[in-house]
Amino acid sequence: MDQSPTCREKGANEQYKRNLENNKTQALYRRIYRQKFMIAQRNKDSKHIEKEFDKWKKEAKEKINQIKKGKLTEDEVYKWLVENK
């Protein structure tokens, strides 16, 4: 069976990338998330690092949801992300 992505998957991926290019807050969130995730993966024996990552992830996701609900602005969340890398 062919393992290449379907047109639907390719389109969804391209749309996601386009959205990241147009949304500096979402792009920064993804970049920081990937960095923290890799640190946690490389240090699986450290519960402290894992707890810090989980705490940050939960807070950051809540901030992103507050943007969607109109409770916070993109700039407020961007500033929070920069301060809480």
PDB file of N, CA and C in Angstrom:
ATOM      1  N   MET A   1       0.847  -1.189   0.000  1.00  0.00           N
ATOM      2  CA  MET A   1       0.000   0.000   0.000  1.00  0.00           C
ATOM      3  C   MET A   1       0.887   1.246   0.000  1.00  0.00           C
ATOM      4  N   ASP A   2       0.473   2.243  -0.732  1.00  0.00           N
ATOM      5  CA  ASP A   2       1.222   3.489  -0.852  1.00  0.00           C
ATOM      6  C   ASP A   2       1.115   4.304   0.445  1.00  0.00           C
ATOM      7  N   GLN A   3       2.255   4.740   0.989  1.00  0.00           N
ATOM      8  CA  GLN A   3       2.283   5.483   2.247  1.00  0.00           C
ATOM      9  C   GLN A   3       2.334   6.988   2.056  1.00  0.00           C
ATOM     10  N   SER A   4       2.263   7.460   0.815  1.00  0.00           N
ATOM     11  CA  SER A   4       2.324   8.900   0.574  1.00  0.00           C
ATOM     12  C   SER A   4       1.030   9.565   1.045  1.00  0.00           C
ATOM     13  N   PRO A   5       1.119  10.828   1.460  1.00  0.00           N
ATOM     14  CA  PRO A   5      -0.073  11.521   1.968  1.00  0.00           C
ATOM     15  C   PRO A   5      -1.110  11.742   0.867  1.00  0.00           C
ATOM     16  N   THR A   6      -2.363  11.771   1.271  1.00  0.00           N
ATOM     17  CA  THR A   6      -3.447  12.020   0.331  1.00  0.00           C
ATOM     18  C   THR A   6      -3.504  13.512   0.012  1.00  0.00           C
ATOM     19  N   CYS A   7      -4.272  13.866  -0.997  1.00  0.00           N
ATOM     20  CA  CYS A   7      -4.447  15.277  -1.345  1.00  0.00           C
ATOM     21  C   CYS A   7      -5.051  16.047  -0.175  1.00  0.00           C
ATOM     22  N   ARG A   8      -5.988  15.418   0.524  1.00  0.00           N
ATOM     23  CA  ARG A   8      -6.625  16.062   1.676  1.00  0.00           C
ATOM     24  C   ARG A   8      -5.590  16.354   2.762  1.00  0.00           C
ATOM     25  N   GLU A   9      -4.713  15.394   3.028  1.00  0.00           N
ATOM     26  CA  GLU A   9      -3.673  15.585   4.046  1.00  0.00           C
ATOM     27  C   GLU A   9      -2.686  16.664   3.615  1.00  0.00           C
ATOM     28  N   LYS A  10      -2.297  16.643   2.352  1.00  0.00           N
ATOM     29  CA  LYS A  10      -1.373  17.663   1.849  1.00  0.00           C
ATOM     30  C   LYS A  10      -1.993  19.050   1.945  1.00  0.00           C
ATOM     31  N   GLY A  11      -3.258  19.155   1.562  1.00  0.00           N
ATOM     32  CA  GLY A  11      -3.948  20.448   1.614  1.00  0.00           C
ATOM     33  C   GLY A  11      -4.066  20.970   3.026  1.00  0.00           C
ATOM     34  N   ALA A  12      -4.400  20.091   3.955  1.00  0.00           N
ATOM     35  CA  ALA A  12      -4.528  20.492   5.361  1.00  0.00           C
ATOM     36  C   ALA A  12      -3.182  20.959   5.902  1.00  0.00           C
ATOM     37  N   ASN A  13      -2.122  20.255   5.537  1.00  0.00           N
ATOM     38  CA  ASN A  13      -0.779  20.616   5.992  1.00  0.00           C
ATOM     39  C   ASN A  13      -0.361  21.970   5.419  1.00  0.00           C
ATOM     40  N   GLU A  14      -0.636  22.185   4.139  1.00  0.00           N
ATOM     41  CA  GLU A  14      -0.285  23.467   3.519  1.00  0.00           C
ATOM     42  C   GLU A  14      -1.064  24.616   4.143  1.00  0.00           C
ATOM     43  N   GLN A  15      -2.355  24.393   4.423  1.00  0.00           N
ATOM     44  CA  GLN A  15      -3.177  25.423   5.052  1.00  0.00           C
ATOM     45  C   GLN A  15      -2.648  25.747   6.447  1.00  0.00           C
ATOM     46  N   TYR A  16      -2.260  24.732   7.202  1.00  0.00           N
ATOM     47  CA  TYR A  16      -1.712  24.942   8.542  1.00  0.00           C
ATOM     48  C   TYR A  16      -0.439  25.781   8.468  1.00  0.00           C
ATOM     49  N   LYS A  17       0.450  25.460   7.528  1.00  0.00           N
ATOM     50  CA  LYS A  17       1.689  26.223   7.359  1.00  0.00           C
ATOM     51  C   LYS A  17       1.397  27.666   6.972  1.00  0.00           C
ATOM     52  N   ARG A  18       0.412  27.871   6.085  1.00  0.00           N
ATOM     53  CA  ARG A  18       0.033  29.226   5.681  1.00  0.00           C
ATOM     54  C   ARG A  18      -0.500  30.014   6.872  1.00  0.00           C
ATOM     55  N   ASN A  19      -1.303  29.369   7.715  1.00  0.00           N
ATOM     56  CA  ASN A  19      -1.835  30.037   8.904  1.00  0.00           C
ATOM     57  C   ASN A  19      -0.719  30.431   9.859  1.00  0.00           C
ATOM     58  N   LEU A  20       0.290  29.576  10.011  1.00  0.00           N
ATOM     59  CA  LEU A  20       1.415  29.900  10.883  1.00  0.00           C
ATOM     60  C   LEU A  20       2.183  31.111  10.359  1.00  0.00           C
ATOM     61  N   GLU A  21       2.329  31.199   9.052  1.00  0.00           N
ATOM     62  CA  GLU A  21       3.041  32.338   8.466  1.00  0.00           C
ATOM     63  C   GLU A  21       2.306  33.644   8.741  1.00  0.00           C
ATOM     64  N   ASN A  22       0.985  33.591   8.794  1.00  0.00           N
ATOM     65  CA  ASN A  22       0.180  34.799   8.976  1.00  0.00           C
ATOM     66  C   ASN A  22      -0.127  35.101  10.437  1.00  0.00           C
ATOM     67  N   ASN A  23       0.228  34.221  11.339  1.00  0.00           N
ATOM     68  CA  ASN A  23      -0.109  34.399  12.745  1.00  0.00           C
ATOM     69  C   ASN A  23       1.161  34.258  13.585  1.00  0.00           C
ATOM     70  N   LYS A  24       1.747  35.387  13.953  1.00  0.00           N
ATOM     71  CA  LYS A  24       3.019  35.358  14.674  1.00  0.00           C
ATOM     72  C   LYS A  24       2.892  34.714  16.055  1.00  0.00           C
ATOM     73  N   THR A  25       1.748  34.854  16.697  1.00  0.00           N
ATOM     74  CA  THR A  25       1.559  34.268  18.022  1.00  0.00           C
ATOM     75  C   THR A  25       1.520  32.748  17.934  1.00  0.00           C
ATOM     76  N   GLN A  26       0.758  32.222  16.987  1.00  0.00           N
ATOM     77  CA  GLN A  26       0.668  30.769  16.820  1.00  0.00           C
ATOM     78  C   GLN A  26       2.021  30.187  16.414  1.00  0.00           C
ATOM     79  N   ALA A  27       2.740  30.901  15.563  1.00  0.00           N
ATOM     80  CA  ALA A  27       4.060  30.433  15.125  1.00  0.00           C
ATOM     81  C   ALA A  27       5.034  30.392  16.304  1.00  0.00           C
ATOM     82  N   LEU A  28       5.015  31.424  17.130  1.00  0.00           N
ATOM     83  CA  LEU A  28       5.892  31.448  18.306  1.00  0.00           C
ATOM     84  C   LEU A  28       5.527  30.329  19.268  1.00  0.00           C
ATOM     85  N   TYR A  29       4.226  30.110  19.465  1.00  0.00           N
ATOM     86  CA  TYR A  29       3.771  29.015  20.334  1.00  0.00           C
ATOM     87  C   TYR A  29       4.319  27.674  19.836  1.00  0.00           C
ATOM     88  N   ARG A  30       4.195  27.411  18.542  1.00  0.00           N
ATOM     89  CA  ARG A  30       4.686  26.151  17.976  1.00  0.00           C
ATOM     90  C   ARG A  30       6.194  26.001  18.153  1.00  0.00           C
ATOM     91  N   ARG A  31       6.924  27.089  17.917  1.00  0.00           N
ATOM     92  CA  ARG A  31       8.384  27.029  18.031  1.00  0.00           C
ATOM     93  C   ARG A  31       8.802  26.720  19.464  1.00  0.00           C
ATOM     94  N   ILE A  32       8.214  27.423  20.432  1.00  0.00           N
ATOM     95  CA  ILE A  32       8.554  27.196  21.843  1.00  0.00           C
ATOM     96  C   ILE A  32       8.108  25.795  22.266  1.00  0.00           C
ATOM     97  N   TYR A  33       6.912  25.388  21.828  1.00  0.00           N
ATOM     98  CA  TYR A  33       6.406  24.057  22.168  1.00  0.00           C
ATOM     99  C   TYR A  33       7.375  22.979  21.695  1.00  0.00           C
ATOM    100  N   ARG A  34       7.819  23.080  20.445  1.00  0.00           N
ATOM    101  CA  ARG A  34       8.745  22.079  19.912  1.00  0.00           C
ATOM    102  C   ARG A  34      10.051  22.058  20.688  1.00  0.00           C
ATOM    103  N   GLN A  35      10.562  23.224  21.064  1.00  0.00           N
ATOM    104  CA  GLN A  35      11.810  23.281  21.830  1.00  0.00           C
ATOM    105  C   GLN A  35      11.636  22.600  23.187  1.00  0.00           C
ATOM    106  N   LYS A  36      10.567  22.962  23.884  1.00  0.00           N
ATOM    107  CA  LYS A  36      10.326  22.387  25.207  1.00  0.00           C
ATOM    108  C   LYS A  36      10.041  20.885  25.126  1.00  0.00           C
ATOM    109  N   PHE A  37       9.317  20.472  24.093  1.00  0.00           N
ATOM    110  CA  PHE A  37       9.019  19.060  23.905  1.00  0.00           C
ATOM    111  C   PHE A  37      10.303  18.259  23.705  1.00  0.00           C
ATOM    112  N   MET A  38      11.208  18.769  22.882  1.00  0.00           N
ATOM    113  CA  MET A  38      12.468  18.064  22.624  1.00  0.00           C
ATOM    114  C   MET A  38      13.319  17.982  23.891  1.00  0.00           C
ATOM    115  N   ILE A  39      13.346  19.042  24.664  1.00  0.00           N
ATOM    116  CA  ILE A  39      14.094  19.020  25.923  1.00  0.00           C
ATOM    117  C   ILE A  39      13.509  17.948  26.846  1.00  0.00           C
ATOM    118  N   ALA A  40      12.182  17.891  26.924  1.00  0.00           N
ATOM    119  CA  ALA A  40      11.525  16.890  27.775  1.00  0.00           C
ATOM    120  C   ALA A  40      11.811  15.478  27.265  1.00  0.00           C
ATOM    121  N   GLN A  41      11.807  15.292  25.953  1.00  0.00           N
ATOM    122  CA  GLN A  41      12.075  13.964  25.389  1.00  0.00           C
ATOM    123  C   GLN A  41      13.510  13.518  25.637  1.00  0.00           C
ATOM    124  N   ARG A  42      14.428  14.447  25.573  1.00  0.00           N
ATOM    125  CA  ARG A  42      15.839  14.105  25.783  1.00  0.00           C
ATOM    126  C   ARG A  42      16.182  13.887  27.248  1.00  0.00           C
ATOM    127  N   ASN A  43      15.309  14.345  28.129  1.00  0.00           N
ATOM    128  CA  ASN A  43      15.557  14.222  29.568  1.00  0.00           C
ATOM    129  C   ASN A  43      14.403  13.487  30.237  1.00  0.00           C
ATOM    130  N   LYS A  44      14.059  12.336  29.713  1.00  0.00           N
ATOM    131  CA  LYS A  44      12.903  11.586  30.217  1.00  0.00           C
ATOM    132  C   LYS A  44      13.049  11.186  31.677  1.00  0.00           C
ATOM    133  N   ASP A  45      14.280  11.081  32.145  1.00  0.00           N
ATOM    134  CA  ASP A  45      14.494  10.685  33.535  1.00  0.00           C
ATOM    135  C   ASP A  45      14.268  11.835  34.512  1.00  0.00           C
ATOM    136  N   SER A  46      14.153  13.057  34.018  1.00  0.00           N
ATOM    137  CA  SER A  46      13.954  14.224  34.881  1.00  0.00           C
ATOM    138  C   SER A  46      12.469  14.557  34.991  1.00  0.00           C
ATOM    139  N   LYS A  47      11.901  14.240  36.122  1.00  0.00           N
ATOM    140  CA  LYS A  47      10.481  14.539  36.368  1.00  0.00           C
ATOM    141  C   LYS A  47      10.253  16.045  36.455  1.00  0.00           C
ATOM    142  N   HIS A  48      11.248  16.782  36.923  1.00  0.00           N
ATOM    143  CA  HIS A  48      11.132  18.235  37.038  1.00  0.00           C
ATOM    144  C   HIS A  48      10.911  18.868  35.660  1.00  0.00           C
ATOM    145  N   ILE A  49      11.716  18.464  34.692  1.00  0.00           N
ATOM    146  CA  ILE A  49      11.596  19.012  33.340  1.00  0.00           C
ATOM    147  C   ILE A  49      10.241  18.653  32.744  1.00  0.00           C
ATOM    148  N   GLU A  50       9.809  17.427  32.955  1.00  0.00           N
ATOM    149  CA  GLU A  50       8.512  16.986  32.438  1.00  0.00           C
ATOM    150  C   GLU A  50       7.366  17.783  33.070  1.00  0.00           C
ATOM    151  N   LYS A  51       7.447  18.012  34.384  1.00  0.00           N
ATOM    152  CA  LYS A  51       6.410  18.787  35.071  1.00  0.00           C
ATOM    153  C   LYS A  51       6.378  20.230  34.568  1.00  0.00           C
ATOM    154  N   GLU A  52       7.555  20.819  34.387  1.00  0.00           N
ATOM    155  CA  GLU A  52       7.626  22.188  33.879  1.00  0.00           C
ATOM    156  C   GLU A  52       7.022  22.300  32.481  1.00  0.00           C
ATOM    157  N   PHE A  53       7.335  21.320  31.631  1.00  0.00           N
ATOM    158  CA  PHE A  53       6.786  21.308  30.275  1.00  0.00           C
ATOM    159  C   PHE A  53       5.272  21.177  30.314  1.00  0.00           C
ATOM    160  N   ASP A  54       4.761  20.249  31.109  1.00  0.00           N
ATOM    161  CA  ASP A  54       3.311  20.050  31.204  1.00  0.00           C
ATOM    162  C   ASP A  54       2.613  21.304  31.729  1.00  0.00           C
ATOM    163  N   LYS A  55       3.217  21.952  32.714  1.00  0.00           N
ATOM    164  CA  LYS A  55       2.648  23.178  33.275  1.00  0.00           C
ATOM    165  C   LYS A  55       2.608  24.277  32.210  1.00  0.00           C
ATOM    166  N   TRP A  56       3.726  24.468  31.503  1.00  0.00           N
ATOM    167  CA  TRP A  56       3.783  25.488  30.454  1.00  0.00           C
ATOM    168  C   TRP A  56       2.770  25.185  29.359  1.00  0.00           C
ATOM    169  N   LYS A  57       2.705  23.917  28.948  1.00  0.00           N
ATOM    170  CA  LYS A  57       1.802  23.505  27.868  1.00  0.00           C
ATOM    171  C   LYS A  57       0.347  23.814  28.234  1.00  0.00           C
ATOM    172  N   LYS A  58      -0.023  23.510  29.463  1.00  0.00           N
ATOM    173  CA  LYS A  58      -1.396  23.752  29.915  1.00  0.00           C
ATOM    174  C   LYS A  58      -1.705  25.254  29.932  1.00  0.00           C
ATOM    175  N   GLU A  59      -0.782  26.051  30.476  1.00  0.00           N
ATOM    176  CA  GLU A  59      -0.989  27.501  30.526  1.00  0.00           C
ATOM    177  C   GLU A  59      -1.054  28.105  29.125  1.00  0.00           C
ATOM    178  N   ALA A  60      -0.140  27.686  28.258  1.00  0.00           N
ATOM    179  CA  ALA A  60      -0.086  28.233  26.905  1.00  0.00           C
ATOM    180  C   ALA A  60      -1.355  27.879  26.130  1.00  0.00           C
ATOM    181  N   LYS A  61      -1.817  26.653  26.265  1.00  0.00           N
ATOM    182  CA  LYS A  61      -3.031  26.233  25.566  1.00  0.00           C
ATOM    183  C   LYS A  61      -4.229  27.042  26.056  1.00  0.00           C
ATOM    184  N   GLU A  62      -4.274  27.312  27.351  1.00  0.00           N
ATOM    185  CA  GLU A  62      -5.365  28.119  27.905  1.00  0.00           C
ATOM    186  C   GLU A  62      -5.323  29.544  27.334  1.00  0.00           C
ATOM    187  N   LYS A  63      -4.117  30.101  27.201  1.00  0.00           N
ATOM    188  CA  LYS A  63      -3.975  31.445  26.620  1.00  0.00           C
ATOM    189  C   LYS A  63      -4.467  31.457  25.171  1.00  0.00           C
ATOM    190  N   ILE A  64      -4.109  30.427  24.405  1.00  0.00           N
ATOM    191  CA  ILE A  64      -4.550  30.332  23.013  1.00  0.00           C
ATOM    192  C   ILE A  64      -6.081  30.238  22.955  1.00  0.00           C
ATOM    193  N   ASN A  65      -6.662  29.460  23.856  1.00  0.00           N
ATOM    194  CA  ASN A  65      -8.125  29.342  23.897  1.00  0.00           C
ATOM    195  C   ASN A  65      -8.785  30.669  24.270  1.00  0.00           C
ATOM    196  N   GLN A  66      -8.137  31.448  25.120  1.00  0.00           N
ATOM    197  CA  GLN A  66      -8.685  32.745  25.501  1.00  0.00           C
ATOM    198  C   GLN A  66      -8.675  33.719  24.331  1.00  0.00           C
ATOM    199  N   ILE A  67      -7.718  33.572  23.426  1.00  0.00           N
ATOM    200  CA  ILE A  67      -7.727  34.381  22.202  1.00  0.00           C
ATOM    201  C   ILE A  67      -8.975  34.032  21.398  1.00  0.00           C
ATOM    202  N   LYS A  68      -9.224  32.743  21.236  1.00  0.00           N
ATOM    203  CA  LYS A  68     -10.370  32.287  20.450  1.00  0.00           C
ATOM    204  C   LYS A  68     -11.688  32.761  21.048  1.00  0.00           C
ATOM    205  N   LYS A  69     -11.744  32.870  22.372  1.00  0.00           N
ATOM    206  CA  LYS A  69     -12.960  33.326  23.054  1.00  0.00           C
ATOM    207  C   LYS A  69     -13.056  34.846  23.111  1.00  0.00           C
ATOM    208  N   GLY A  70     -11.984  35.535  22.694  1.00  0.00           N
ATOM    209  CA  GLY A  70     -11.993  36.991  22.699  1.00  0.00           C
ATOM    210  C   GLY A  70     -11.648  37.612  24.036  1.00  0.00           C
ATOM    211  N   LYS A  71     -11.132  36.821  24.964  1.00  0.00           N
ATOM    212  CA  LYS A  71     -10.782  37.333  26.297  1.00  0.00           C
ATOM    213  C   LYS A  71      -9.385  37.942  26.334  1.00  0.00           C
ATOM    214  N   LEU A  72      -8.506  37.496  25.441  1.00  0.00           N
ATOM    215  CA  LEU A  72      -7.156  38.045  25.343  1.00  0.00           C
ATOM    216  C   LEU A  72      -6.873  38.398  23.884  1.00  0.00           C
ATOM    217  N   THR A  73      -5.960  39.347  23.689  1.00  0.00           N
ATOM    218  CA  THR A  73      -5.559  39.706  22.326  1.00  0.00           C
ATOM    219  C   THR A  73      -4.341  38.887  21.924  1.00  0.00           C
ATOM    220  N   GLU A  74      -4.090  38.851  20.621  1.00  0.00           N
ATOM    221  CA  GLU A  74      -2.901  38.160  20.101  1.00  0.00           C
ATOM    222  C   GLU A  74      -1.640  38.755  20.736  1.00  0.00           C
ATOM    223  N   ASP A  75      -1.591  40.079  20.837  1.00  0.00           N
ATOM    224  CA  ASP A  75      -0.403  40.742  21.383  1.00  0.00           C
ATOM    225  C   ASP A  75      -0.166  40.383  22.841  1.00  0.00           C
ATOM    226  N   GLU A  76      -1.229  40.270  23.628  1.00  0.00           N
ATOM    227  CA  GLU A  76      -1.084  39.890  25.038  1.00  0.00           C
ATOM    228  C   GLU A  76      -0.494  38.487  25.175  1.00  0.00           C
ATOM    229  N   VAL A  77      -0.974  37.572  24.365  1.00  0.00           N
ATOM    230  CA  VAL A  77      -0.493  36.196  24.430  1.00  0.00           C
ATOM    231  C   VAL A  77       0.928  36.114  23.878  1.00  0.00           C
ATOM    232  N   TYR A  78       1.217  36.863  22.819  1.00  0.00           N
ATOM    233  CA  TYR A  78       2.570  36.890  22.264  1.00  0.00           C
ATOM    234  C   TYR A  78       3.555  37.362  23.334  1.00  0.00           C
ATOM    235  N   LYS A  79       3.199  38.420  24.027  1.00  0.00           N
ATOM    236  CA  LYS A  79       4.055  38.949  25.096  1.00  0.00           C
ATOM    237  C   LYS A  79       4.253  37.889  26.189  1.00  0.00           C
ATOM    238  N   TRP A  80       3.173  37.193  26.575  1.00  0.00           N
ATOM    239  CA  TRP A  80       3.277  36.147  27.594  1.00  0.00           C
ATOM    240  C   TRP A  80       4.218  35.039  27.124  1.00  0.00           C
ATOM    241  N   LEU A  81       4.093  34.636  25.855  1.00  0.00           N
ATOM    242  CA  LEU A  81       4.958  33.588  25.322  1.00  0.00           C
ATOM    243  C   LEU A  81       6.427  33.998  25.359  1.00  0.00           C
ATOM    244  N   VAL A  82       6.714  35.248  24.997  1.00  0.00           N
ATOM    245  CA  VAL A  82       8.101  35.737  25.013  1.00  0.00           C
ATOM    246  C   VAL A  82       8.636  35.723  26.447  1.00  0.00           C
ATOM    247  N   GLU A  83       7.804  36.123  27.398  1.00  0.00           N
ATOM    248  CA  GLU A  83       8.240  36.176  28.797  1.00  0.00           C
ATOM    249  C   GLU A  83       8.353  34.796  29.434  1.00  0.00           C
ATOM    250  N   ASN A  84       7.681  33.799  28.880  1.00  0.00           N
ATOM    251  CA  ASN A  84       7.631  32.473  29.493  1.00  0.00           C
ATOM    252  C   ASN A  84       8.178  31.389  28.572  1.00  0.00           C
ATOM    253  N   LYS A  85       9.248  31.683  27.887  1.00  0.00           N
ATOM    254  CA  LYS A  85       9.847  30.713  26.963  1.00  0.00           C
ATOM    255  C   LYS A  85      10.313  29.479  27.690  1.00  0.00           C
TER     256      LYS A  85
END
